[in-house]
Amino acid sequence: MATASLAGIVPMPGDALYTLSKHAVVGYVRAAAPVLEPDGIRVNAVCPGFADTPLIAHAKAQFADFPLLTADDVAVAIEAILERGEPGECWFVQPGNEPSPYRFRGVPGAKGTPPPDVTWKDH
């Protein structure tokens, strides 16, 4: 299980380096999963939104009207991934929503051809 962030699946304006590092985690999970699955190794990522942790303590006042995840919310999501997750999935976690795998779009093909499903196992 890898820990990414919502910044791993959508850009986080104002913190390009954080976005870069979390996109790298998501890319690794998606690339490693099909290679490791035949050996019985399942690779997934949890991508939580903002959580009420010491990481945001210095900026907590900025989140006054914004719902934050708890550590328990993230733990419940990890349990769900371990129970129901498919290899290579990256699950997003947001307050008030059920943890779910993010569905990545495929890459479009040449003009006039349907976009291929280049994602592994429809993810």
N, C-alpha and C. Protein backbone atom coordinates (compact mmCIF):
# COMPACT_ATOMS: atom_id res chain seq x y z
N MET A 1 0.85 -1.17 0.00
CA MET A 1 0.00 0.00 0.00
C MET A 1 0.90 1.24 0.00
N ALA A 2 0.67 2.09 -0.96
CA ALA A 2 1.41 3.34 -1.04
C ALA A 2 0.48 4.48 -0.62
N THR A 3 1.05 5.49 -0.03
CA THR A 3 0.28 6.67 0.35
C THR A 3 0.60 7.79 -0.62
N ALA A 4 -0.41 8.20 -1.35
CA ALA A 4 -0.26 9.35 -2.24
C ALA A 4 -1.10 10.47 -1.64
N SER A 5 -1.96 11.06 -2.43
CA SER A 5 -2.79 12.19 -2.01
C SER A 5 -3.72 12.50 -3.17
N LEU A 6 -4.73 13.31 -2.92
CA LEU A 6 -5.52 13.79 -4.06
C LEU A 6 -4.61 14.51 -5.05
N ALA A 7 -3.52 15.07 -4.55
CA ALA A 7 -2.55 15.75 -5.43
C ALA A 7 -1.85 14.76 -6.35
N GLY A 8 -2.05 13.47 -6.14
CA GLY A 8 -1.51 12.46 -7.04
C GLY A 8 -2.39 12.20 -8.25
N ILE A 9 -3.64 12.67 -8.18
CA ILE A 9 -4.55 12.44 -9.31
C ILE A 9 -5.09 13.74 -9.91
N VAL A 10 -4.93 14.83 -9.18
CA VAL A 10 -5.28 16.16 -9.71
C VAL A 10 -4.20 17.13 -9.23
N PRO A 11 -3.91 18.16 -10.00
CA PRO A 11 -2.87 19.10 -9.59
C PRO A 11 -3.28 19.91 -8.37
N MET A 12 -2.32 20.25 -7.57
CA MET A 12 -2.54 21.10 -6.40
C MET A 12 -1.83 22.43 -6.65
N PRO A 13 -2.56 23.42 -7.19
CA PRO A 13 -1.93 24.71 -7.48
C PRO A 13 -1.26 25.27 -6.23
N GLY A 14 -0.11 25.84 -6.44
CA GLY A 14 0.61 26.44 -5.33
C GLY A 14 1.64 25.52 -4.70
N ASP A 15 1.61 24.23 -5.04
CA ASP A 15 2.61 23.31 -4.50
C ASP A 15 2.96 22.27 -5.56
N ALA A 16 3.68 22.73 -6.56
CA ALA A 16 4.02 21.88 -7.69
C ALA A 16 4.91 20.70 -7.29
N LEU A 17 5.82 20.91 -6.35
CA LEU A 17 6.70 19.80 -5.95
C LEU A 17 5.94 18.71 -5.21
N TYR A 18 5.00 19.09 -4.37
CA TYR A 18 4.17 18.10 -3.69
C TYR A 18 3.35 17.33 -4.72
N THR A 19 2.74 18.05 -5.67
CA THR A 19 1.97 17.41 -6.73
C THR A 19 2.85 16.44 -7.52
N LEU A 20 4.06 16.87 -7.85
CA LEU A 20 4.99 16.02 -8.59
C LEU A 20 5.28 14.73 -7.83
N SER A 21 5.57 14.84 -6.55
CA SER A 21 5.92 13.64 -5.78
C SER A 21 4.73 12.69 -5.65
N LYS A 22 3.55 13.21 -5.50
CA LYS A 22 2.38 12.34 -5.36
C LYS A 22 1.96 11.74 -6.71
N HIS A 23 2.14 12.47 -7.81
CA HIS A 23 1.92 11.88 -9.12
C HIS A 23 2.90 10.73 -9.36
N ALA A 24 4.12 10.87 -8.87
CA ALA A 24 5.12 9.81 -9.01
C ALA A 24 4.66 8.55 -8.27
N VAL A 25 4.10 8.70 -7.09
CA VAL A 25 3.60 7.54 -6.33
C VAL A 25 2.49 6.85 -7.12
N VAL A 26 1.54 7.62 -7.64
CA VAL A 26 0.44 7.05 -8.41
C VAL A 26 0.97 6.36 -9.66
N GLY A 27 1.90 6.98 -10.35
CA GLY A 27 2.48 6.37 -11.54
C GLY A 27 3.20 5.07 -11.23
N TYR A 28 3.92 5.04 -10.13
CA TYR A 28 4.61 3.82 -9.72
C TYR A 28 3.62 2.70 -9.45
N VAL A 29 2.56 3.00 -8.71
CA VAL A 29 1.56 1.98 -8.37
C VAL A 29 0.95 1.41 -9.64
N ARG A 30 0.58 2.28 -10.56
CA ARG A 30 -0.08 1.82 -11.78
C ARG A 30 0.88 1.05 -12.69
N ALA A 31 2.17 1.39 -12.68
CA ALA A 31 3.14 0.69 -13.51
C ALA A 31 3.62 -0.62 -12.87
N ALA A 32 3.75 -0.64 -11.55
CA ALA A 32 4.26 -1.82 -10.86
C ALA A 32 3.21 -2.92 -10.70
N ALA A 33 1.96 -2.55 -10.58
CA ALA A 33 0.91 -3.54 -10.28
C ALA A 33 0.84 -4.69 -11.28
N PRO A 34 0.81 -4.43 -12.59
CA PRO A 34 0.70 -5.56 -13.51
C PRO A 34 1.95 -6.45 -13.53
N VAL A 35 3.08 -5.89 -13.16
CA VAL A 35 4.32 -6.66 -13.13
C VAL A 35 4.38 -7.54 -11.89
N LEU A 36 3.89 -7.03 -10.77
CA LEU A 36 3.99 -7.75 -9.51
C LEU A 36 2.83 -8.70 -9.24
N GLU A 37 1.68 -8.46 -9.87
CA GLU A 37 0.51 -9.30 -9.60
C GLU A 37 0.76 -10.79 -9.85
N PRO A 38 1.46 -11.18 -10.93
CA PRO A 38 1.68 -12.62 -11.14
C PRO A 38 2.44 -13.29 -9.99
N ASP A 39 3.17 -12.51 -9.22
CA ASP A 39 3.90 -13.05 -8.06
C ASP A 39 3.07 -12.98 -6.78
N GLY A 40 1.79 -12.63 -6.93
CA GLY A 40 0.92 -12.56 -5.76
C GLY A 40 1.08 -11.29 -4.95
N ILE A 41 1.70 -10.29 -5.54
CA ILE A 41 1.91 -9.01 -4.84
C ILE A 41 0.92 -8.00 -5.41
N ARG A 42 0.10 -7.44 -4.55
CA ARG A 42 -0.88 -6.44 -4.99
C ARG A 42 -0.39 -5.06 -4.53
N VAL A 43 -0.35 -4.13 -5.46
CA VAL A 43 0.09 -2.77 -5.17
C VAL A 43 -1.09 -1.83 -5.38
N ASN A 44 -1.37 -1.00 -4.38
CA ASN A 44 -2.43 0.00 -4.44
C ASN A 44 -1.94 1.30 -3.82
N ALA A 45 -2.73 2.35 -4.01
CA ALA A 45 -2.43 3.63 -3.36
C ALA A 45 -3.69 4.19 -2.74
N VAL A 46 -3.52 4.84 -1.61
CA VAL A 46 -4.60 5.60 -0.99
C VAL A 46 -4.29 7.07 -1.26
N CYS A 47 -5.32 7.81 -1.70
CA CYS A 47 -5.15 9.21 -2.10
C CYS A 47 -6.10 10.10 -1.30
N PRO A 48 -5.77 10.35 -0.04
CA PRO A 48 -6.69 11.16 0.78
C PRO A 48 -6.59 12.65 0.46
N GLY A 49 -7.70 13.33 0.73
CA GLY A 49 -7.71 14.79 0.69
C GLY A 49 -7.04 15.31 1.95
N PHE A 50 -7.34 16.54 2.30
CA PHE A 50 -6.72 17.14 3.48
C PHE A 50 -7.19 16.44 4.75
N ALA A 51 -6.24 16.06 5.58
CA ALA A 51 -6.55 15.38 6.83
C ALA A 51 -6.06 16.22 8.01
N ASP A 52 -6.77 16.12 9.08
CA ASP A 52 -6.43 16.87 10.30
C ASP A 52 -5.27 16.16 10.99
N THR A 53 -4.07 16.50 10.53
CA THR A 53 -2.84 15.91 11.06
C THR A 53 -1.84 17.03 11.35
N PRO A 54 -0.74 16.71 12.00
CA PRO A 54 0.27 17.74 12.27
C PRO A 54 0.82 18.39 11.00
N LEU A 55 0.69 17.72 9.85
CA LEU A 55 1.19 18.29 8.60
C LEU A 55 0.53 19.62 8.26
N ILE A 56 -0.75 19.79 8.64
CA ILE A 56 -1.43 21.04 8.32
C ILE A 56 -1.63 21.92 9.56
N ALA A 57 -1.05 21.55 10.68
CA ALA A 57 -1.25 22.31 11.93
C ALA A 57 -0.93 23.79 11.76
N HIS A 58 0.13 24.11 11.02
CA HIS A 58 0.52 25.51 10.83
C HIS A 58 -0.48 26.30 10.00
N ALA A 59 -1.32 25.60 9.23
CA ALA A 59 -2.28 26.28 8.35
C ALA A 59 -3.72 25.93 8.68
N LYS A 60 -3.96 25.35 9.84
CA LYS A 60 -5.30 24.85 10.16
C LYS A 60 -6.36 25.95 10.11
N ALA A 61 -6.01 27.17 10.44
CA ALA A 61 -6.98 28.27 10.40
C ALA A 61 -7.52 28.47 8.98
N GLN A 62 -6.73 28.17 7.97
CA GLN A 62 -7.15 28.31 6.58
C GLN A 62 -8.22 27.27 6.21
N PHE A 63 -8.36 26.23 7.01
CA PHE A 63 -9.31 25.17 6.74
C PHE A 63 -10.57 25.29 7.60
N ALA A 64 -10.80 26.45 8.18
CA ALA A 64 -11.90 26.64 9.13
C ALA A 64 -13.25 26.19 8.58
N ASP A 65 -13.54 26.46 7.32
CA ASP A 65 -14.83 26.10 6.72
C ASP A 65 -14.72 24.90 5.77
N PHE A 66 -13.61 24.22 5.83
CA PHE A 66 -13.36 23.12 4.91
C PHE A 66 -13.36 21.81 5.69
N PRO A 67 -14.15 20.82 5.27
CA PRO A 67 -14.16 19.56 6.01
C PRO A 67 -12.83 18.83 5.87
N LEU A 68 -12.33 18.34 6.96
CA LEU A 68 -11.06 17.61 6.98
C LEU A 68 -11.31 16.14 7.30
N LEU A 69 -10.48 15.30 6.74
CA LEU A 69 -10.51 13.88 7.10
C LEU A 69 -9.87 13.69 8.46
N THR A 70 -10.25 12.62 9.12
CA THR A 70 -9.56 12.21 10.34
C THR A 70 -8.62 11.06 9.98
N ALA A 71 -7.71 10.76 10.87
CA ALA A 71 -6.85 9.60 10.66
C ALA A 71 -7.69 8.33 10.55
N ASP A 72 -8.78 8.25 11.30
CA ASP A 72 -9.68 7.10 11.23
C ASP A 72 -10.32 6.97 9.85
N ASP A 73 -10.68 8.10 9.22
CA ASP A 73 -11.24 8.07 7.87
C ASP A 73 -10.27 7.40 6.90
N VAL A 74 -9.01 7.76 7.03
CA VAL A 74 -8.00 7.20 6.13
C VAL A 74 -7.78 5.73 6.44
N ALA A 75 -7.79 5.36 7.71
CA ALA A 75 -7.64 3.95 8.09
C ALA A 75 -8.79 3.10 7.54
N VAL A 76 -10.01 3.62 7.61
CA VAL A 76 -11.16 2.91 7.06
C VAL A 76 -11.00 2.72 5.55
N ALA A 77 -10.49 3.74 4.88
CA ALA A 77 -10.26 3.63 3.43
C ALA A 77 -9.21 2.56 3.13
N ILE A 78 -8.15 2.53 3.90
CA ILE A 78 -7.12 1.52 3.69
C ILE A 78 -7.69 0.12 3.89
N GLU A 79 -8.52 -0.04 4.92
CA GLU A 79 -9.17 -1.33 5.13
C GLU A 79 -10.03 -1.72 3.93
N ALA A 80 -10.76 -0.75 3.37
CA ALA A 80 -11.60 -1.03 2.20
C ALA A 80 -10.74 -1.44 1.01
N ILE A 81 -9.63 -0.76 0.81
CA ILE A 81 -8.73 -1.11 -0.30
C ILE A 81 -8.20 -2.52 -0.12
N LEU A 82 -7.80 -2.85 1.10
CA LEU A 82 -7.27 -4.19 1.36
C LEU A 82 -8.33 -5.27 1.16
N GLU A 83 -9.56 -4.95 1.47
CA GLU A 83 -10.66 -5.92 1.32
C GLU A 83 -11.15 -6.05 -0.12
N ARG A 84 -11.29 -4.91 -0.82
CA ARG A 84 -11.97 -4.91 -2.12
C ARG A 84 -11.14 -4.40 -3.28
N GLY A 85 -9.98 -3.89 -3.00
CA GLY A 85 -9.19 -3.26 -4.06
C GLY A 85 -8.62 -4.24 -5.06
N GLU A 86 -8.54 -3.78 -6.29
CA GLU A 86 -7.91 -4.54 -7.37
C GLU A 86 -6.50 -4.00 -7.57
N PRO A 87 -5.58 -4.83 -8.05
CA PRO A 87 -4.20 -4.36 -8.25
C PRO A 87 -4.13 -3.10 -9.10
N GLY A 88 -3.32 -2.16 -8.68
CA GLY A 88 -3.09 -0.94 -9.43
C GLY A 88 -4.07 0.18 -9.18
N GLU A 89 -5.08 -0.06 -8.34
CA GLU A 89 -6.05 1.00 -8.08
C GLU A 89 -5.48 2.06 -7.15
N CYS A 90 -5.95 3.28 -7.38
CA CYS A 90 -5.62 4.42 -6.54
C CYS A 90 -6.94 4.97 -6.02
N TRP A 91 -7.18 4.79 -4.74
CA TRP A 91 -8.46 5.15 -4.15
C TRP A 91 -8.42 6.55 -3.57
N PHE A 92 -9.42 7.37 -3.93
CA PHE A 92 -9.50 8.72 -3.35
C PHE A 92 -10.39 8.67 -2.12
N VAL A 93 -10.06 9.54 -1.18
CA VAL A 93 -10.77 9.60 0.09
C VAL A 93 -11.08 11.07 0.36
N GLN A 94 -12.36 11.38 0.48
CA GLN A 94 -12.82 12.74 0.76
C GLN A 94 -13.88 12.69 1.86
N PRO A 95 -13.93 13.70 2.72
CA PRO A 95 -14.95 13.71 3.78
C PRO A 95 -16.36 13.59 3.20
N GLY A 96 -17.15 12.73 3.80
CA GLY A 96 -18.54 12.57 3.39
C GLY A 96 -18.76 11.66 2.20
N ASN A 97 -17.71 11.13 1.61
CA ASN A 97 -17.83 10.22 0.46
C ASN A 97 -17.26 8.86 0.81
N GLU A 98 -17.84 7.84 0.23
CA GLU A 98 -17.31 6.49 0.39
C GLU A 98 -15.98 6.39 -0.35
N PRO A 99 -14.93 5.83 0.27
CA PRO A 99 -13.67 5.66 -0.47
C PRO A 99 -13.91 4.85 -1.74
N SER A 100 -13.33 5.29 -2.85
CA SER A 100 -13.57 4.66 -4.15
C SER A 100 -12.32 4.69 -5.00
N PRO A 101 -12.19 3.72 -5.92
CA PRO A 101 -11.06 3.78 -6.84
C PRO A 101 -11.27 4.90 -7.87
N TYR A 102 -10.22 5.61 -8.17
CA TYR A 102 -10.27 6.66 -9.18
C TYR A 102 -10.21 5.99 -10.54
N ARG A 103 -11.04 6.45 -11.46
CA ARG A 103 -11.07 5.88 -12.82
C ARG A 103 -10.29 6.79 -13.76
N PHE A 104 -9.14 6.31 -14.19
CA PHE A 104 -8.30 7.06 -15.11
C PHE A 104 -8.82 6.88 -16.53
N ARG A 105 -8.75 7.94 -17.32
CA ARG A 105 -9.16 7.85 -18.71
C ARG A 105 -8.01 7.31 -19.54
N GLY A 106 -8.35 6.69 -20.67
CA GLY A 106 -7.33 6.20 -21.59
C GLY A 106 -6.77 7.33 -22.43
N VAL A 107 -5.77 7.02 -23.20
CA VAL A 107 -5.14 7.99 -24.09
C VAL A 107 -5.88 7.96 -25.42
N PRO A 108 -6.25 9.13 -25.98
CA PRO A 108 -6.96 9.12 -27.27
C PRO A 108 -6.08 8.59 -28.39
N GLY A 109 -6.71 7.93 -29.36
CA GLY A 109 -5.99 7.39 -30.51
C GLY A 109 -5.86 8.43 -31.61
N ALA A 110 -5.42 7.97 -32.76
CA ALA A 110 -5.31 8.85 -33.92
C ALA A 110 -6.70 9.33 -34.32
N LYS A 111 -6.74 10.45 -35.01
CA LYS A 111 -8.02 11.02 -35.43
C LYS A 111 -8.85 9.97 -36.18
N GLY A 112 -10.10 9.83 -35.74
CA GLY A 112 -10.99 8.89 -36.39
C GLY A 112 -11.00 7.50 -35.77
N THR A 113 -10.12 7.24 -34.82
CA THR A 113 -10.12 5.93 -34.16
C THR A 113 -10.59 6.10 -32.73
N PRO A 114 -11.26 5.12 -32.19
CA PRO A 114 -11.70 5.25 -30.80
C PRO A 114 -10.50 5.23 -29.87
N PRO A 115 -10.62 5.92 -28.73
CA PRO A 115 -9.50 5.91 -27.79
C PRO A 115 -9.27 4.50 -27.26
N PRO A 116 -8.02 4.06 -27.26
CA PRO A 116 -7.73 2.72 -26.73
C PRO A 116 -7.83 2.72 -25.21
N ASP A 117 -8.09 1.56 -24.68
CA ASP A 117 -8.07 1.43 -23.22
C ASP A 117 -6.64 1.05 -22.85
N VAL A 118 -5.84 2.06 -22.57
CA VAL A 118 -4.44 1.80 -22.26
C VAL A 118 -4.22 1.61 -20.77
N THR A 119 -5.27 1.77 -20.01
CA THR A 119 -5.12 1.58 -18.58
C THR A 119 -5.21 0.10 -18.28
N TRP A 120 -4.51 -0.32 -17.27
CA TRP A 120 -4.45 -1.72 -16.92
C TRP A 120 -5.71 -2.14 -16.20
N LYS A 121 -6.36 -3.20 -16.67
CA LYS A 121 -7.58 -3.74 -16.06
C LYS A 121 -8.65 -2.67 -15.85
N ASP A 122 -8.85 -1.81 -16.86
CA ASP A 122 -9.89 -0.77 -16.83
C ASP A 122 -9.69 0.24 -15.72
N HIS A 123 -8.48 0.49 -15.29
CA HIS A 123 -8.23 1.48 -14.23
C HIS A 123 -7.46 2.63 -14.81
